N, C-alpha and C. Protein backbone atom coordinates (compact mmCIF):
# COMPACT_ATOMS: atom_id res chain seq x y z
N MET A 1 -39.23 37.79 68.32
CA MET A 1 -39.90 37.26 67.16
C MET A 1 -39.22 35.98 66.66
N LYS A 2 -37.90 35.99 66.63
CA LYS A 2 -37.17 34.81 66.19
C LYS A 2 -37.42 33.65 67.14
N TYR A 3 -37.58 33.94 68.43
CA TYR A 3 -37.81 32.92 69.43
C TYR A 3 -39.14 32.21 69.16
N ILE A 4 -40.20 32.93 68.84
CA ILE A 4 -41.52 32.36 68.57
C ILE A 4 -41.46 31.49 67.31
N TYR A 5 -40.80 31.99 66.28
CA TYR A 5 -40.66 31.23 65.04
C TYR A 5 -39.90 29.92 65.31
N PHE A 6 -38.83 29.97 66.07
CA PHE A 6 -38.03 28.80 66.41
C PHE A 6 -38.86 27.81 67.22
N LYS A 7 -39.66 28.29 68.17
CA LYS A 7 -40.49 27.45 69.01
C LYS A 7 -41.56 26.75 68.16
N GLN A 8 -42.19 27.45 67.25
CA GLN A 8 -43.20 26.87 66.38
C GLN A 8 -42.59 25.81 65.46
N LEU A 9 -41.43 26.11 64.92
CA LEU A 9 -40.74 25.16 64.05
C LEU A 9 -40.36 23.90 64.83
N SER A 10 -39.90 24.06 66.06
CA SER A 10 -39.52 22.92 66.89
C SER A 10 -40.74 22.04 67.19
N ILE A 11 -41.86 22.64 67.52
CA ILE A 11 -43.08 21.88 67.80
C ILE A 11 -43.55 21.14 66.55
N PHE A 12 -43.48 21.78 65.40
CA PHE A 12 -43.87 21.16 64.13
C PHE A 12 -42.99 19.94 63.84
N ILE A 13 -41.71 20.04 64.04
CA ILE A 13 -40.78 18.92 63.77
C ILE A 13 -41.06 17.77 64.73
N ILE A 14 -41.31 18.07 65.99
CA ILE A 14 -41.60 17.02 66.98
C ILE A 14 -42.90 16.30 66.63
N LEU A 15 -43.95 17.05 66.27
CA LEU A 15 -45.22 16.44 65.88
C LEU A 15 -45.07 15.58 64.63
N LEU A 16 -44.34 16.07 63.67
CA LEU A 16 -44.09 15.32 62.44
C LEU A 16 -43.39 14.00 62.75
N PHE A 17 -42.42 14.04 63.62
CA PHE A 17 -41.68 12.84 64.01
C PHE A 17 -42.60 11.83 64.71
N ILE A 18 -43.44 12.29 65.62
CA ILE A 18 -44.35 11.41 66.35
C ILE A 18 -45.36 10.77 65.41
N LEU A 19 -45.94 11.54 64.52
CA LEU A 19 -46.91 11.00 63.58
C LEU A 19 -46.28 10.00 62.63
N ALA A 20 -45.10 10.27 62.16
CA ALA A 20 -44.41 9.37 61.24
C ALA A 20 -44.08 8.05 61.92
N CYS A 21 -43.67 8.09 63.15
CA CYS A 21 -43.33 6.86 63.87
C CYS A 21 -44.57 6.01 64.10
N GLY A 22 -45.70 6.61 64.37
CA GLY A 22 -46.94 5.87 64.58
C GLY A 22 -47.35 5.09 63.36
N ASP A 23 -47.26 5.66 62.18
CA ASP A 23 -47.63 4.98 60.94
C ASP A 23 -46.68 3.82 60.65
N ASP A 24 -45.41 3.99 60.90
CA ASP A 24 -44.44 2.94 60.62
C ASP A 24 -44.68 1.72 61.50
N ASN A 25 -45.11 1.91 62.73
CA ASN A 25 -45.35 0.78 63.62
C ASN A 25 -46.47 -0.10 63.11
N ASP A 26 -47.55 0.49 62.58
CA ASP A 26 -48.64 -0.30 62.02
C ASP A 26 -48.18 -1.10 60.83
N THR A 27 -47.41 -0.49 59.95
CA THR A 27 -46.90 -1.17 58.77
C THR A 27 -45.95 -2.29 59.16
N LEU A 28 -45.12 -2.06 60.12
CA LEU A 28 -44.16 -3.06 60.57
C LEU A 28 -44.88 -4.26 61.15
N SER A 29 -45.93 -4.03 61.93
CA SER A 29 -46.67 -5.14 62.52
C SER A 29 -47.29 -6.03 61.45
N SER A 30 -47.85 -5.44 60.40
CA SER A 30 -48.43 -6.22 59.31
C SER A 30 -47.37 -7.03 58.59
N ALA A 31 -46.22 -6.43 58.36
CA ALA A 31 -45.14 -7.14 57.66
C ALA A 31 -44.61 -8.29 58.50
N GLU A 32 -44.52 -8.09 59.81
CA GLU A 32 -44.01 -9.15 60.69
C GLU A 32 -44.95 -10.34 60.72
N GLU A 33 -46.27 -10.10 60.62
CA GLU A 33 -47.24 -11.18 60.67
C GLU A 33 -47.04 -12.17 59.53
N ASN A 34 -46.69 -11.70 58.35
CA ASN A 34 -46.55 -12.56 57.18
C ASN A 34 -45.10 -12.83 56.83
N GLN A 35 -44.22 -12.74 57.78
CA GLN A 35 -42.80 -12.96 57.56
C GLN A 35 -42.54 -14.44 57.23
N VAL A 36 -41.74 -14.67 56.19
CA VAL A 36 -41.36 -16.02 55.82
C VAL A 36 -40.22 -16.48 56.72
N LEU A 37 -40.41 -17.64 57.32
CA LEU A 37 -39.40 -18.20 58.20
C LEU A 37 -38.84 -19.47 57.57
N SER A 38 -37.55 -19.64 57.66
CA SER A 38 -36.88 -20.83 57.17
C SER A 38 -36.50 -21.68 58.37
N VAL A 39 -36.76 -22.98 58.27
CA VAL A 39 -36.51 -23.90 59.38
C VAL A 39 -35.60 -25.03 58.91
N THR A 40 -34.58 -25.30 59.68
CA THR A 40 -33.72 -26.46 59.48
C THR A 40 -33.93 -27.36 60.69
N THR A 41 -34.46 -28.55 60.45
CA THR A 41 -34.81 -29.45 61.55
C THR A 41 -33.59 -30.18 62.10
N THR A 42 -33.83 -30.87 63.18
CA THR A 42 -32.83 -31.81 63.68
C THR A 42 -32.86 -33.04 62.78
N ASN A 43 -32.09 -34.03 63.08
CA ASN A 43 -31.95 -35.21 62.23
C ASN A 43 -33.02 -36.25 62.55
N VAL A 44 -33.85 -36.58 61.57
CA VAL A 44 -34.91 -37.56 61.77
C VAL A 44 -34.35 -38.96 62.02
N ASN A 45 -33.10 -39.21 61.63
CA ASN A 45 -32.49 -40.51 61.90
C ASN A 45 -32.17 -40.70 63.38
N VAL A 46 -32.14 -39.59 64.13
CA VAL A 46 -31.90 -39.65 65.57
C VAL A 46 -33.23 -39.77 66.32
N SER A 47 -34.21 -38.94 65.93
CA SER A 47 -35.56 -39.03 66.51
C SER A 47 -36.55 -38.31 65.61
N ASP A 48 -37.81 -38.71 65.70
CA ASP A 48 -38.87 -38.10 64.90
C ASP A 48 -38.96 -36.61 65.21
N ILE A 49 -39.43 -35.85 64.23
CA ILE A 49 -39.47 -34.39 64.33
C ILE A 49 -40.93 -33.92 64.30
N PHE A 50 -41.28 -33.01 65.21
CA PHE A 50 -42.62 -32.44 65.25
C PHE A 50 -42.47 -30.92 65.36
N TYR A 51 -43.28 -30.19 64.58
CA TYR A 51 -43.12 -28.74 64.52
C TYR A 51 -44.47 -28.05 64.74
N ASN A 52 -44.44 -26.98 65.53
CA ASN A 52 -45.62 -26.17 65.81
C ASN A 52 -45.41 -24.80 65.15
N PHE A 53 -46.26 -24.46 64.17
CA PHE A 53 -46.11 -23.20 63.45
C PHE A 53 -46.36 -21.98 64.35
N SER A 54 -47.36 -22.05 65.21
CA SER A 54 -47.69 -20.89 66.05
C SER A 54 -46.55 -20.52 66.98
N SER A 55 -45.92 -21.52 67.58
CA SER A 55 -44.80 -21.23 68.49
C SER A 55 -43.47 -21.13 67.75
N GLN A 56 -43.50 -21.46 66.45
CA GLN A 56 -42.31 -21.41 65.61
C GLN A 56 -41.18 -22.24 66.21
N SER A 57 -41.55 -23.47 66.63
CA SER A 57 -40.53 -24.29 67.28
C SER A 57 -40.77 -25.78 67.07
N GLN A 58 -39.67 -26.50 67.13
CA GLN A 58 -39.72 -27.95 67.11
C GLN A 58 -40.14 -28.37 68.51
N VAL A 59 -41.10 -29.30 68.59
CA VAL A 59 -41.67 -29.70 69.88
C VAL A 59 -41.64 -31.22 70.02
N ASN A 60 -42.04 -31.69 71.18
CA ASN A 60 -42.15 -33.13 71.42
C ASN A 60 -43.49 -33.64 70.90
N MET A 61 -43.57 -34.92 70.65
CA MET A 61 -44.80 -35.53 70.14
C MET A 61 -45.98 -35.31 71.10
N GLU A 62 -45.71 -35.21 72.39
CA GLU A 62 -46.77 -35.04 73.38
C GLU A 62 -47.33 -33.61 73.37
N ASP A 63 -46.59 -32.67 72.80
CA ASP A 63 -47.04 -31.28 72.73
C ASP A 63 -47.96 -31.08 71.53
N ALA A 64 -48.55 -29.89 71.41
CA ALA A 64 -49.34 -29.56 70.23
C ALA A 64 -48.39 -29.36 69.05
N TRP A 65 -48.65 -30.05 67.94
CA TRP A 65 -47.79 -29.93 66.76
C TRP A 65 -48.65 -29.94 65.50
N ASP A 66 -48.13 -29.32 64.46
CA ASP A 66 -48.86 -29.20 63.20
C ASP A 66 -48.36 -30.18 62.13
N ILE A 67 -47.04 -30.33 62.03
CA ILE A 67 -46.47 -31.25 61.05
C ILE A 67 -45.37 -32.07 61.71
N GLY A 68 -45.09 -33.21 61.10
CA GLY A 68 -44.01 -34.04 61.57
C GLY A 68 -43.24 -34.64 60.41
N ILE A 69 -41.99 -34.95 60.67
CA ILE A 69 -41.16 -35.75 59.78
C ILE A 69 -40.78 -36.96 60.63
N VAL A 70 -41.26 -38.13 60.23
CA VAL A 70 -41.05 -39.32 61.04
C VAL A 70 -40.47 -40.45 60.20
N ARG A 71 -39.82 -41.37 60.87
CA ARG A 71 -39.34 -42.57 60.18
C ARG A 71 -40.50 -43.54 60.03
N ASP A 72 -40.82 -43.85 58.79
CA ASP A 72 -41.92 -44.75 58.46
C ASP A 72 -41.39 -46.18 58.53
N THR A 73 -41.57 -46.82 59.67
CA THR A 73 -40.99 -48.15 59.89
C THR A 73 -41.68 -49.23 59.06
N VAL A 74 -42.86 -48.96 58.55
CA VAL A 74 -43.56 -49.92 57.69
C VAL A 74 -42.89 -49.97 56.32
N ASN A 75 -42.43 -48.82 55.83
CA ASN A 75 -41.85 -48.71 54.49
C ASN A 75 -40.33 -48.51 54.55
N TYR A 76 -39.63 -49.51 54.99
CA TYR A 76 -38.17 -49.53 54.93
C TYR A 76 -37.49 -48.41 55.73
N ASN A 77 -38.15 -47.93 56.77
CA ASN A 77 -37.56 -46.90 57.63
C ASN A 77 -37.30 -45.58 56.88
N MET A 78 -38.12 -45.29 55.89
CA MET A 78 -38.00 -44.06 55.10
C MET A 78 -38.59 -42.89 55.87
N PRO A 79 -38.02 -41.69 55.72
CA PRO A 79 -38.62 -40.51 56.36
C PRO A 79 -39.89 -40.12 55.61
N SER A 80 -40.90 -39.71 56.35
CA SER A 80 -42.18 -39.30 55.76
C SER A 80 -42.70 -38.04 56.43
N PHE A 81 -43.38 -37.25 55.64
CA PHE A 81 -44.10 -36.07 56.13
C PHE A 81 -45.43 -36.53 56.70
N VAL A 82 -45.74 -36.11 57.92
CA VAL A 82 -46.98 -36.50 58.58
C VAL A 82 -47.66 -35.24 59.11
N PRO A 83 -48.83 -34.89 58.56
CA PRO A 83 -49.57 -33.77 59.14
C PRO A 83 -50.18 -34.17 60.48
N GLY A 84 -50.28 -33.21 61.39
CA GLY A 84 -50.91 -33.46 62.68
C GLY A 84 -52.42 -33.33 62.54
N ASP A 85 -53.05 -32.81 63.57
CA ASP A 85 -54.50 -32.62 63.56
C ASP A 85 -54.82 -31.29 62.88
N VAL A 86 -54.55 -31.24 61.57
CA VAL A 86 -54.70 -30.03 60.77
C VAL A 86 -55.36 -30.38 59.44
N GLN A 87 -55.83 -29.37 58.73
CA GLN A 87 -56.30 -29.54 57.36
C GLN A 87 -55.15 -29.16 56.43
N VAL A 88 -54.97 -29.93 55.35
CA VAL A 88 -53.88 -29.66 54.42
C VAL A 88 -54.42 -29.71 52.99
N ALA A 89 -54.09 -28.68 52.22
CA ALA A 89 -54.38 -28.66 50.79
C ALA A 89 -53.07 -28.42 50.05
N VAL A 90 -52.94 -28.99 48.86
CA VAL A 90 -51.70 -28.90 48.09
C VAL A 90 -51.98 -28.12 46.81
N TYR A 91 -51.05 -27.20 46.51
CA TYR A 91 -51.17 -26.39 45.29
C TYR A 91 -49.88 -26.51 44.49
N GLU A 92 -50.04 -26.91 43.22
CA GLU A 92 -48.90 -27.12 42.33
C GLU A 92 -48.55 -25.88 41.51
N ASN A 93 -49.52 -25.05 41.23
CA ASN A 93 -49.32 -23.93 40.31
C ASN A 93 -49.39 -22.57 40.99
N GLU A 94 -48.95 -22.49 42.21
CA GLU A 94 -48.94 -21.24 42.96
C GLU A 94 -47.49 -20.84 43.25
N ASP A 95 -47.26 -19.55 43.36
CA ASP A 95 -45.95 -19.05 43.74
C ASP A 95 -45.95 -18.80 45.24
N PHE A 96 -44.98 -19.36 45.94
CA PHE A 96 -44.93 -19.24 47.39
C PHE A 96 -44.95 -17.79 47.85
N ASN A 97 -44.18 -16.94 47.20
CA ASN A 97 -44.06 -15.54 47.64
C ASN A 97 -45.31 -14.71 47.39
N THR A 98 -46.09 -15.05 46.39
CA THR A 98 -47.27 -14.23 46.08
C THR A 98 -48.56 -14.78 46.69
N LEU A 99 -48.53 -15.98 47.22
CA LEU A 99 -49.71 -16.56 47.85
C LEU A 99 -49.87 -15.94 49.25
N THR A 100 -50.83 -15.05 49.39
CA THR A 100 -51.00 -14.33 50.66
C THR A 100 -52.37 -14.54 51.30
N THR A 101 -53.30 -15.13 50.56
CA THR A 101 -54.62 -15.41 51.11
C THR A 101 -55.04 -16.82 50.73
N MET A 102 -55.96 -17.37 51.49
CA MET A 102 -56.44 -18.71 51.23
C MET A 102 -57.29 -18.71 49.96
N PRO A 103 -57.01 -19.60 49.01
CA PRO A 103 -57.83 -19.68 47.79
C PRO A 103 -59.28 -20.05 48.12
N ALA A 104 -60.19 -19.58 47.30
CA ALA A 104 -61.62 -19.87 47.51
C ALA A 104 -61.89 -21.36 47.45
N SER A 105 -61.08 -22.11 46.72
CA SER A 105 -61.28 -23.55 46.56
C SER A 105 -60.68 -24.37 47.70
N TYR A 106 -60.15 -23.73 48.73
CA TYR A 106 -59.41 -24.43 49.79
C TYR A 106 -60.16 -25.64 50.35
N LEU A 107 -61.42 -25.46 50.75
CA LEU A 107 -62.15 -26.56 51.38
C LEU A 107 -62.30 -27.75 50.44
N ASN A 108 -62.43 -27.49 49.14
CA ASN A 108 -62.50 -28.59 48.17
C ASN A 108 -61.14 -29.24 47.94
N ASP A 109 -60.06 -28.50 48.20
CA ASP A 109 -58.70 -28.98 47.95
C ASP A 109 -58.09 -29.74 49.14
N VAL A 110 -58.74 -29.69 50.29
CA VAL A 110 -58.19 -30.33 51.49
C VAL A 110 -58.10 -31.85 51.27
N GLN A 111 -56.96 -32.39 51.63
CA GLN A 111 -56.72 -33.84 51.54
C GLN A 111 -57.14 -34.49 52.86
N GLU A 112 -58.27 -35.18 52.85
CA GLU A 112 -58.79 -35.82 54.07
C GLU A 112 -57.90 -36.99 54.51
N ASP A 113 -57.33 -37.71 53.54
CA ASP A 113 -56.49 -38.86 53.82
C ASP A 113 -55.03 -38.41 53.88
N HIS A 114 -54.50 -38.29 55.06
CA HIS A 114 -53.12 -37.80 55.24
C HIS A 114 -52.05 -38.79 54.79
N SER A 115 -52.43 -40.01 54.50
CA SER A 115 -51.44 -40.98 54.03
C SER A 115 -50.90 -40.61 52.64
N VAL A 116 -51.59 -39.72 51.92
CA VAL A 116 -51.12 -39.31 50.59
C VAL A 116 -49.80 -38.55 50.66
N PHE A 117 -49.41 -38.08 51.85
CA PHE A 117 -48.17 -37.31 52.02
C PHE A 117 -46.97 -38.20 52.37
N GLY A 118 -47.23 -39.42 52.76
CA GLY A 118 -46.18 -40.33 53.19
C GLY A 118 -45.50 -41.05 52.04
N TYR A 119 -44.58 -41.92 52.38
CA TYR A 119 -43.80 -42.67 51.41
C TYR A 119 -44.72 -43.42 50.45
N GLY A 120 -44.59 -43.16 49.14
CA GLY A 120 -45.38 -43.82 48.12
C GLY A 120 -46.74 -43.19 47.87
N GLY A 121 -47.11 -42.15 48.63
CA GLY A 121 -48.42 -41.51 48.46
C GLY A 121 -48.45 -40.59 47.24
N SER A 122 -49.65 -40.20 46.82
CA SER A 122 -49.78 -39.37 45.62
C SER A 122 -49.20 -37.97 45.80
N TYR A 123 -49.11 -37.48 47.04
CA TYR A 123 -48.47 -36.19 47.33
C TYR A 123 -47.24 -36.39 48.22
N GLU A 124 -46.53 -37.47 47.97
CA GLU A 124 -45.34 -37.80 48.73
C GLU A 124 -44.39 -36.60 48.76
N VAL A 125 -43.88 -36.29 49.94
CA VAL A 125 -42.98 -35.15 50.11
C VAL A 125 -41.52 -35.58 49.97
N LEU A 126 -41.15 -36.62 50.69
CA LEU A 126 -39.77 -37.12 50.68
C LEU A 126 -39.75 -38.47 49.97
N SER A 127 -38.91 -38.59 48.96
CA SER A 127 -38.89 -39.80 48.15
C SER A 127 -37.47 -40.36 48.04
N TYR A 128 -37.40 -41.69 47.96
CA TYR A 128 -36.12 -42.37 47.84
C TYR A 128 -35.85 -42.69 46.37
N ASP A 129 -34.72 -42.23 45.87
CA ASP A 129 -34.29 -42.52 44.50
C ASP A 129 -33.29 -43.66 44.56
N ILE A 130 -33.73 -44.85 44.15
CA ILE A 130 -32.88 -46.04 44.26
C ILE A 130 -31.65 -45.97 43.35
N THR A 131 -31.74 -45.19 42.25
CA THR A 131 -30.60 -45.12 41.33
C THR A 131 -29.40 -44.41 41.94
N VAL A 132 -29.64 -43.46 42.84
CA VAL A 132 -28.53 -42.75 43.49
C VAL A 132 -28.51 -42.98 45.00
N HIS A 133 -29.47 -43.80 45.48
CA HIS A 133 -29.58 -44.13 46.91
C HIS A 133 -29.62 -42.86 47.77
N LYS A 134 -30.61 -42.02 47.45
CA LYS A 134 -30.72 -40.74 48.16
C LYS A 134 -32.19 -40.37 48.35
N VAL A 135 -32.51 -39.84 49.52
CA VAL A 135 -33.84 -39.29 49.80
C VAL A 135 -33.79 -37.80 49.51
N SER A 136 -34.84 -37.29 48.86
CA SER A 136 -34.89 -35.86 48.57
C SER A 136 -36.35 -35.39 48.54
N VAL A 137 -36.53 -34.08 48.50
CA VAL A 137 -37.85 -33.49 48.35
C VAL A 137 -38.25 -33.71 46.90
N ILE A 138 -39.33 -34.45 46.68
CA ILE A 138 -39.69 -34.84 45.32
C ILE A 138 -40.35 -33.71 44.53
N ASN A 139 -41.12 -32.87 45.17
CA ASN A 139 -41.81 -31.76 44.50
C ASN A 139 -41.59 -30.46 45.26
N PRO A 140 -40.41 -29.87 45.13
CA PRO A 140 -40.13 -28.65 45.91
C PRO A 140 -40.98 -27.44 45.50
N ASN A 141 -41.69 -27.54 44.39
CA ASN A 141 -42.55 -26.43 43.96
C ASN A 141 -43.94 -26.50 44.60
N TYR A 142 -44.31 -27.61 45.23
CA TYR A 142 -45.62 -27.72 45.86
C TYR A 142 -45.72 -26.76 47.05
N ILE A 143 -46.88 -26.13 47.18
CA ILE A 143 -47.20 -25.28 48.32
C ILE A 143 -48.29 -25.99 49.11
N TYR A 144 -48.07 -26.17 50.40
CA TYR A 144 -49.03 -26.82 51.27
C TYR A 144 -49.67 -25.73 52.13
N LEU A 145 -51.00 -25.63 52.06
CA LEU A 145 -51.71 -24.71 52.95
C LEU A 145 -52.24 -25.52 54.11
N ILE A 146 -51.87 -25.10 55.30
CA ILE A 146 -52.20 -25.85 56.50
C ILE A 146 -53.03 -24.97 57.43
N LYS A 147 -54.24 -25.46 57.74
CA LYS A 147 -55.12 -24.74 58.66
C LYS A 147 -55.08 -25.44 60.00
N SER A 148 -54.62 -24.70 61.01
CA SER A 148 -54.52 -25.20 62.36
C SER A 148 -55.29 -24.25 63.27
N ASP A 149 -56.36 -24.74 63.86
CA ASP A 149 -57.25 -23.89 64.65
C ASP A 149 -57.75 -22.74 63.77
N ASN A 150 -57.44 -21.50 64.13
CA ASN A 150 -57.90 -20.34 63.35
C ASN A 150 -56.79 -19.72 62.54
N ASP A 151 -55.66 -20.41 62.40
CA ASP A 151 -54.51 -19.89 61.66
C ASP A 151 -54.29 -20.70 60.40
N VAL A 152 -53.81 -20.03 59.35
CA VAL A 152 -53.48 -20.71 58.10
C VAL A 152 -52.04 -20.37 57.75
N PHE A 153 -51.29 -21.40 57.40
CA PHE A 153 -49.88 -21.24 57.07
C PHE A 153 -49.62 -21.83 55.69
N LYS A 154 -48.73 -21.18 54.95
CA LYS A 154 -48.25 -21.77 53.70
C LYS A 154 -46.90 -22.40 54.03
N LEU A 155 -46.66 -23.55 53.42
CA LEU A 155 -45.48 -24.35 53.71
C LEU A 155 -44.87 -24.83 52.41
N GLN A 156 -43.56 -24.78 52.31
CA GLN A 156 -42.86 -25.31 51.16
C GLN A 156 -41.60 -26.03 51.64
N PHE A 157 -41.45 -27.27 51.21
CA PHE A 157 -40.26 -28.04 51.55
C PHE A 157 -39.16 -27.67 50.56
N VAL A 158 -38.00 -27.36 51.08
CA VAL A 158 -36.89 -26.86 50.27
C VAL A 158 -35.87 -27.95 49.99
N GLU A 159 -35.47 -28.69 51.04
CA GLU A 159 -34.38 -29.65 50.87
C GLU A 159 -34.42 -30.71 51.97
N TYR A 160 -33.89 -31.86 51.64
CA TYR A 160 -33.69 -32.94 52.61
C TYR A 160 -32.29 -33.47 52.38
N LEU A 161 -31.49 -33.52 53.43
CA LEU A 161 -30.12 -33.98 53.28
C LEU A 161 -29.70 -34.77 54.52
N SER A 162 -29.49 -36.05 54.35
CA SER A 162 -28.99 -36.93 55.41
C SER A 162 -29.78 -36.82 56.71
N GLY A 163 -31.11 -36.82 56.61
CA GLY A 163 -31.95 -36.80 57.81
C GLY A 163 -32.41 -35.42 58.25
N ILE A 164 -31.88 -34.38 57.65
CA ILE A 164 -32.23 -33.01 58.03
C ILE A 164 -33.12 -32.40 56.94
N THR A 165 -34.24 -31.84 57.37
CA THR A 165 -35.20 -31.25 56.44
C THR A 165 -35.15 -29.73 56.56
N VAL A 166 -35.21 -29.06 55.43
CA VAL A 166 -35.29 -27.60 55.40
C VAL A 166 -36.63 -27.24 54.74
N PHE A 167 -37.39 -26.40 55.43
CA PHE A 167 -38.65 -25.91 54.86
C PHE A 167 -38.83 -24.45 55.21
N GLN A 168 -39.72 -23.80 54.47
CA GLN A 168 -40.06 -22.41 54.78
C GLN A 168 -41.58 -22.33 54.96
N PHE A 169 -41.98 -21.38 55.80
CA PHE A 169 -43.42 -21.20 56.02
C PHE A 169 -43.71 -19.76 56.41
N ALA A 170 -44.97 -19.39 56.27
CA ALA A 170 -45.44 -18.07 56.69
C ALA A 170 -46.93 -18.15 56.94
N GLU A 171 -47.40 -17.32 57.83
CA GLU A 171 -48.84 -17.25 58.07
C GLU A 171 -49.47 -16.45 56.93
N ILE A 172 -50.67 -16.86 56.51
CA ILE A 172 -51.38 -16.11 55.48
C ILE A 172 -52.74 -15.70 56.01
N ASN A 173 -53.39 -14.81 55.29
CA ASN A 173 -54.70 -14.30 55.69
C ASN A 173 -55.80 -15.27 55.27
N LEU A 174 -56.83 -15.35 56.09
CA LEU A 174 -57.97 -16.22 55.77
C LEU A 174 -58.72 -15.75 54.60
């Protein structure tokens, strides 16, 4: 009798373990999809920088890329943010951590003219302060939503220091 009870209890524990592990895997996959990644680029003073969100890697200009940090030789060799062949919308009053889906106004918010992100543009990312002779991220609270193919990413520039840019990004739901 004790043997049957022990066998039933053992089977119950094994089934419970298997079912619990199955649920955790689904939850883990969803969490991994929206994981925030922090990127520290190479030095733009050495060579222009191009980044592909899908591959999560810095790439060459000849490869598929979503954003770039390039030296703007027209404007005193200043570093500038350059979007690739993507749609970009800028949000000033959103919290990076709580923005998980594309706003309904996204298509109206897309900036068709990508020059607004470069040196002197209305949504300039990297700006030169002549009083301290330093380039920095001018609006670190801005959230950039970038649509590349069928993927949407949120992007926030954190810091710029001596040619190196730090930004964070995560994929969001459509």
